[in-house]
Every structure is written in structure tokens, then in C-alpha cells.
Amino acid sequence: MTETLCITGNTLRHMADVTIRELRNEGGEVVDRAARGERIIITRSGTPVAELQPLRPPLSADALLERARRLPPVDAVALREDIDELFPDDLDEMLGLS
């Protein structure tokens, strides 16, 4: 098992590399480490193939509402105009919807 220093987002974290063999032989321990918050890269023949990381707990309804309150207002007319610019005028016809 090796530890490498890497930048994830705006934070500096240690990520451990675990081989497929180590995962097979010490799977419970590796999963326990991930459950405690460690991010682990699974390697096959030295090549990273997967990442094991802890699940984030689901957000409560109050937390979701708070996030929604902090979103900037959306101008529906401007949004529709922007979307219309992305698609051809005959999109319905192209999709067989008209």
C-alpha cells in the first residue's frame, strides 16, 4: 500500500493506493478506512482503475431548502432565449414531433 499526496478540489489530501490483491486479501480493512473518510485508489498492475471513497450522508430537507434559497434568481425569459439559440428552429420536425 502506498500513500500519495494529491490535490482534490481546494484541499490537500492523502490518497492511498491499494492493489487489487490487497483489496481482495484485506477488503474489510480497506472498506473500514474508506468509511472513516479516507479516499483510496485501487490499482491493477500499477495503473489506477477505481476510487473508493466514503458516501456522503443525504441532505435533510432543511439543508436542501437552504441551498435553494442561496441560488441566484433565474430570468425565465432570458433562459428560454438562450436555450432556443442552442437548437435549430425545426427541431420538432427533425425529431418527428410535429
N, C-alpha and C. Protein backbone atom coordinates (compact mmCIF):
# COMPACT_ATOMS: atom_id res chain seq x y z
N MET A 1 0.84 -1.16 0.00
CA MET A 1 0.00 0.00 0.00
C MET A 1 0.90 1.24 0.00
N THR A 2 0.63 2.18 -0.89
CA THR A 2 1.42 3.39 -0.94
C THR A 2 0.53 4.59 -0.71
N GLU A 3 1.13 5.63 -0.18
CA GLU A 3 0.40 6.87 0.04
C GLU A 3 0.95 7.92 -0.90
N THR A 4 0.07 8.62 -1.61
CA THR A 4 0.49 9.70 -2.49
C THR A 4 -0.22 10.97 -2.07
N LEU A 5 0.46 12.07 -2.24
CA LEU A 5 -0.11 13.37 -1.92
C LEU A 5 -0.75 13.90 -3.18
N CYS A 6 -2.02 14.31 -3.12
CA CYS A 6 -2.68 14.82 -4.31
C CYS A 6 -3.60 15.97 -3.93
N ILE A 7 -3.92 16.78 -4.92
CA ILE A 7 -4.81 17.91 -4.69
C ILE A 7 -6.18 17.52 -5.22
N THR A 8 -7.18 17.60 -4.37
CA THR A 8 -8.55 17.31 -4.74
C THR A 8 -9.37 18.54 -4.38
N GLY A 9 -9.96 19.16 -5.39
CA GLY A 9 -10.69 20.40 -5.12
C GLY A 9 -9.71 21.45 -4.65
N ASN A 10 -10.01 22.07 -3.55
CA ASN A 10 -9.13 23.10 -2.99
C ASN A 10 -8.39 22.62 -1.76
N THR A 11 -8.39 21.33 -1.54
CA THR A 11 -7.74 20.81 -0.34
C THR A 11 -6.63 19.85 -0.70
N LEU A 12 -5.70 19.69 0.20
CA LEU A 12 -4.59 18.77 0.03
C LEU A 12 -4.89 17.55 0.86
N ARG A 13 -4.95 16.38 0.23
CA ARG A 13 -5.31 15.17 0.94
C ARG A 13 -4.34 14.06 0.61
N HIS A 14 -4.26 13.11 1.51
CA HIS A 14 -3.51 11.89 1.24
C HIS A 14 -4.47 10.89 0.64
N MET A 15 -4.05 10.26 -0.44
CA MET A 15 -4.82 9.18 -1.02
C MET A 15 -3.94 7.95 -1.02
N ALA A 16 -4.47 6.86 -0.55
CA ALA A 16 -3.71 5.63 -0.53
C ALA A 16 -3.97 4.84 -1.79
N ASP A 17 -2.92 4.20 -2.32
CA ASP A 17 -3.07 3.27 -3.42
C ASP A 17 -3.15 1.87 -2.84
N VAL A 18 -4.12 1.10 -3.29
CA VAL A 18 -4.30 -0.27 -2.85
C VAL A 18 -4.37 -1.14 -4.09
N THR A 19 -3.60 -2.21 -4.14
CA THR A 19 -3.64 -3.10 -5.29
C THR A 19 -4.88 -3.98 -5.22
N ILE A 20 -5.23 -4.55 -6.36
CA ILE A 20 -6.35 -5.49 -6.41
C ILE A 20 -6.12 -6.62 -5.40
N ARG A 21 -4.90 -7.12 -5.34
CA ARG A 21 -4.58 -8.22 -4.42
C ARG A 21 -4.79 -7.79 -2.97
N GLU A 22 -4.32 -6.59 -2.62
CA GLU A 22 -4.52 -6.10 -1.25
C GLU A 22 -6.01 -5.93 -0.95
N LEU A 23 -6.75 -5.45 -1.94
CA LEU A 23 -8.19 -5.28 -1.74
C LEU A 23 -8.86 -6.64 -1.49
N ARG A 24 -8.46 -7.65 -2.26
CA ARG A 24 -9.02 -8.98 -2.08
C ARG A 24 -8.66 -9.56 -0.71
N ASN A 25 -7.40 -9.40 -0.31
CA ASN A 25 -6.92 -10.00 0.94
C ASN A 25 -7.32 -9.22 2.19
N GLU A 26 -7.45 -7.91 2.06
CA GLU A 26 -7.72 -7.05 3.22
C GLU A 26 -8.93 -6.17 2.97
N GLY A 27 -9.92 -6.71 2.24
CA GLY A 27 -11.08 -5.93 1.83
C GLY A 27 -11.82 -5.25 2.96
N GLY A 28 -12.05 -5.97 4.05
CA GLY A 28 -12.77 -5.38 5.18
C GLY A 28 -12.04 -4.19 5.76
N GLU A 29 -10.73 -4.31 5.91
CA GLU A 29 -9.92 -3.21 6.46
C GLU A 29 -9.93 -2.01 5.52
N VAL A 30 -9.82 -2.27 4.22
CA VAL A 30 -9.81 -1.18 3.23
C VAL A 30 -11.15 -0.45 3.25
N VAL A 31 -12.24 -1.19 3.30
CA VAL A 31 -13.57 -0.56 3.34
C VAL A 31 -13.75 0.22 4.64
N ASP A 32 -13.26 -0.31 5.74
CA ASP A 32 -13.33 0.42 7.02
C ASP A 32 -12.59 1.75 6.93
N ARG A 33 -11.43 1.75 6.28
CA ARG A 33 -10.67 3.00 6.11
C ARG A 33 -11.47 4.01 5.30
N ALA A 34 -12.11 3.54 4.23
CA ALA A 34 -12.93 4.43 3.41
C ALA A 34 -14.10 4.96 4.22
N ALA A 35 -14.72 4.10 5.02
CA ALA A 35 -15.85 4.53 5.85
C ALA A 35 -15.44 5.60 6.85
N ARG A 36 -14.18 5.59 7.25
CA ARG A 36 -13.68 6.61 8.18
C ARG A 36 -13.29 7.90 7.47
N GLY A 37 -13.43 7.94 6.14
CA GLY A 37 -13.19 9.19 5.42
C GLY A 37 -12.01 9.17 4.47
N GLU A 38 -11.26 8.09 4.41
CA GLU A 38 -10.10 8.03 3.53
C GLU A 38 -10.53 7.74 2.10
N ARG A 39 -9.88 8.39 1.16
CA ARG A 39 -10.12 8.10 -0.26
C ARG A 39 -9.00 7.18 -0.73
N ILE A 40 -9.36 6.11 -1.38
CA ILE A 40 -8.40 5.07 -1.74
C ILE A 40 -8.48 4.80 -3.24
N ILE A 41 -7.32 4.77 -3.89
CA ILE A 41 -7.23 4.45 -5.31
C ILE A 41 -6.89 2.97 -5.43
N ILE A 42 -7.68 2.23 -6.21
CA ILE A 42 -7.43 0.83 -6.46
C ILE A 42 -6.61 0.73 -7.75
N THR A 43 -5.51 -0.02 -7.71
CA THR A 43 -4.64 -0.15 -8.87
C THR A 43 -4.58 -1.60 -9.35
N ARG A 44 -4.39 -1.74 -10.66
CA ARG A 44 -4.15 -3.04 -11.28
C ARG A 44 -2.85 -2.90 -12.07
N SER A 45 -1.86 -3.68 -11.71
CA SER A 45 -0.54 -3.61 -12.36
C SER A 45 0.01 -2.19 -12.33
N GLY A 46 -0.21 -1.49 -11.22
CA GLY A 46 0.31 -0.14 -11.05
C GLY A 46 -0.51 0.96 -11.70
N THR A 47 -1.58 0.61 -12.40
CA THR A 47 -2.42 1.60 -13.08
C THR A 47 -3.70 1.81 -12.28
N PRO A 48 -4.03 3.06 -11.93
CA PRO A 48 -5.28 3.33 -11.20
C PRO A 48 -6.48 2.91 -12.03
N VAL A 49 -7.40 2.15 -11.42
CA VAL A 49 -8.58 1.69 -12.13
C VAL A 49 -9.89 2.06 -11.43
N ALA A 50 -9.81 2.40 -10.15
CA ALA A 50 -11.04 2.74 -9.42
C ALA A 50 -10.68 3.57 -8.19
N GLU A 51 -11.68 4.23 -7.64
CA GLU A 51 -11.51 5.00 -6.42
C GLU A 51 -12.58 4.59 -5.42
N LEU A 52 -12.17 4.36 -4.21
CA LEU A 52 -13.09 4.01 -3.13
C LEU A 52 -13.11 5.20 -2.18
N GLN A 53 -14.29 5.70 -1.91
CA GLN A 53 -14.40 6.86 -1.03
C GLN A 53 -15.67 6.73 -0.20
N PRO A 54 -15.71 7.44 0.92
CA PRO A 54 -16.89 7.34 1.78
C PRO A 54 -18.11 7.97 1.11
N LEU A 55 -19.27 7.42 1.41
CA LEU A 55 -20.52 8.02 0.95
C LEU A 55 -20.82 9.26 1.78
N ARG A 56 -21.39 10.25 1.13
CA ARG A 56 -21.83 11.43 1.87
C ARG A 56 -23.22 11.16 2.42
N PRO A 57 -23.47 11.60 3.64
CA PRO A 57 -24.82 11.40 4.18
C PRO A 57 -25.82 12.23 3.37
N PRO A 58 -27.05 11.74 3.22
CA PRO A 58 -28.04 12.51 2.46
C PRO A 58 -28.35 13.83 3.16
N LEU A 59 -28.66 14.83 2.36
CA LEU A 59 -29.01 16.13 2.91
C LEU A 59 -30.45 16.12 3.42
N SER A 60 -30.66 16.85 4.49
CA SER A 60 -32.01 16.97 5.03
C SER A 60 -32.81 17.93 4.15
N ALA A 61 -34.12 17.90 4.30
CA ALA A 61 -34.98 18.81 3.54
C ALA A 61 -34.63 20.26 3.86
N ASP A 62 -34.34 20.54 5.13
CA ASP A 62 -33.97 21.92 5.52
C ASP A 62 -32.69 22.36 4.84
N ALA A 63 -31.70 21.45 4.75
CA ALA A 63 -30.43 21.79 4.10
C ALA A 63 -30.65 22.04 2.61
N LEU A 64 -31.50 21.24 1.97
CA LEU A 64 -31.80 21.45 0.56
C LEU A 64 -32.50 22.77 0.32
N LEU A 65 -33.44 23.11 1.19
CA LEU A 65 -34.14 24.39 1.06
C LEU A 65 -33.19 25.55 1.25
N GLU A 66 -32.27 25.43 2.19
CA GLU A 66 -31.28 26.49 2.42
C GLU A 66 -30.40 26.68 1.19
N ARG A 67 -29.99 25.59 0.58
CA ARG A 67 -29.20 25.69 -0.64
C ARG A 67 -30.00 26.37 -1.75
N ALA A 68 -31.27 26.02 -1.87
CA ALA A 68 -32.13 26.61 -2.90
C ALA A 68 -32.28 28.11 -2.67
N ARG A 69 -32.36 28.53 -1.43
CA ARG A 69 -32.51 29.96 -1.12
C ARG A 69 -31.28 30.76 -1.54
N ARG A 70 -30.11 30.10 -1.54
CA ARG A 70 -28.87 30.79 -1.88
C ARG A 70 -28.59 30.84 -3.38
N LEU A 71 -29.42 30.14 -4.19
CA LEU A 71 -29.22 30.17 -5.63
C LEU A 71 -29.58 31.55 -6.18
N PRO A 72 -28.88 31.98 -7.21
CA PRO A 72 -29.22 33.28 -7.80
C PRO A 72 -30.56 33.19 -8.51
N PRO A 73 -31.27 34.31 -8.63
CA PRO A 73 -32.55 34.30 -9.34
C PRO A 73 -32.33 33.99 -10.82
N VAL A 74 -33.32 33.36 -11.43
CA VAL A 74 -33.23 32.99 -12.85
C VAL A 74 -34.24 33.82 -13.62
N ASP A 75 -33.77 34.46 -14.68
CA ASP A 75 -34.65 35.20 -15.59
C ASP A 75 -35.18 34.18 -16.59
N ALA A 76 -36.43 33.76 -16.44
CA ALA A 76 -37.00 32.70 -17.26
C ALA A 76 -37.02 33.05 -18.74
N VAL A 77 -37.28 34.31 -19.05
CA VAL A 77 -37.35 34.73 -20.46
C VAL A 77 -35.95 34.64 -21.08
N ALA A 78 -34.95 35.13 -20.38
CA ALA A 78 -33.58 35.08 -20.90
C ALA A 78 -33.10 33.63 -21.02
N LEU A 79 -33.46 32.81 -20.06
CA LEU A 79 -33.08 31.40 -20.11
C LEU A 79 -33.69 30.74 -21.34
N ARG A 80 -34.96 30.98 -21.58
CA ARG A 80 -35.62 30.40 -22.75
C ARG A 80 -34.97 30.87 -24.04
N GLU A 81 -34.62 32.15 -24.10
CA GLU A 81 -33.95 32.67 -25.31
C GLU A 81 -32.60 32.00 -25.51
N ASP A 82 -31.86 31.81 -24.42
CA ASP A 82 -30.56 31.14 -24.52
C ASP A 82 -30.71 29.69 -25.00
N ILE A 83 -31.71 29.01 -24.48
CA ILE A 83 -31.94 27.62 -24.89
C ILE A 83 -32.36 27.56 -26.35
N ASP A 84 -33.25 28.47 -26.75
CA ASP A 84 -33.71 28.50 -28.14
C ASP A 84 -32.56 28.72 -29.12
N GLU A 85 -31.55 29.49 -28.71
CA GLU A 85 -30.40 29.74 -29.57
C GLU A 85 -29.58 28.47 -29.80
N LEU A 86 -29.64 27.54 -28.87
CA LEU A 86 -28.84 26.32 -28.97
C LEU A 86 -29.42 25.30 -29.95
N PHE A 87 -30.71 25.36 -30.21
CA PHE A 87 -31.37 24.35 -31.03
C PHE A 87 -31.92 24.96 -32.32
N PRO A 88 -31.92 24.17 -33.39
CA PRO A 88 -32.47 24.69 -34.65
C PRO A 88 -33.99 24.90 -34.53
N ASP A 89 -34.51 25.80 -35.37
CA ASP A 89 -35.94 26.11 -35.35
C ASP A 89 -36.79 24.90 -35.70
N ASP A 90 -36.25 23.99 -36.49
CA ASP A 90 -37.03 22.83 -36.93
C ASP A 90 -36.72 21.57 -36.10
N LEU A 91 -36.36 21.74 -34.86
CA LEU A 91 -36.01 20.60 -34.01
C LEU A 91 -37.19 19.64 -33.86
N ASP A 92 -38.39 20.17 -33.64
CA ASP A 92 -39.57 19.29 -33.52
C ASP A 92 -39.74 18.44 -34.77
N GLU A 93 -39.56 19.07 -35.90
CA GLU A 93 -39.70 18.33 -37.17
C GLU A 93 -38.58 17.29 -37.29
N MET A 94 -37.39 17.65 -36.94
CA MET A 94 -36.26 16.71 -37.02
C MET A 94 -36.48 15.49 -36.12
N LEU A 95 -37.13 15.71 -34.98
CA LEU A 95 -37.38 14.62 -34.03
C LEU A 95 -38.69 13.90 -34.33
N GLY A 96 -39.41 14.35 -35.34
CA GLY A 96 -40.68 13.72 -35.70
C GLY A 96 -41.79 14.05 -34.73
N LEU A 97 -41.73 15.20 -34.08
CA LEU A 97 -42.73 15.57 -33.10
C LEU A 97 -43.81 16.48 -33.67
N SER A 98 -43.65 16.91 -34.92
CA SER A 98 -44.69 17.79 -35.49
C SER A 98 -45.32 17.20 -36.70
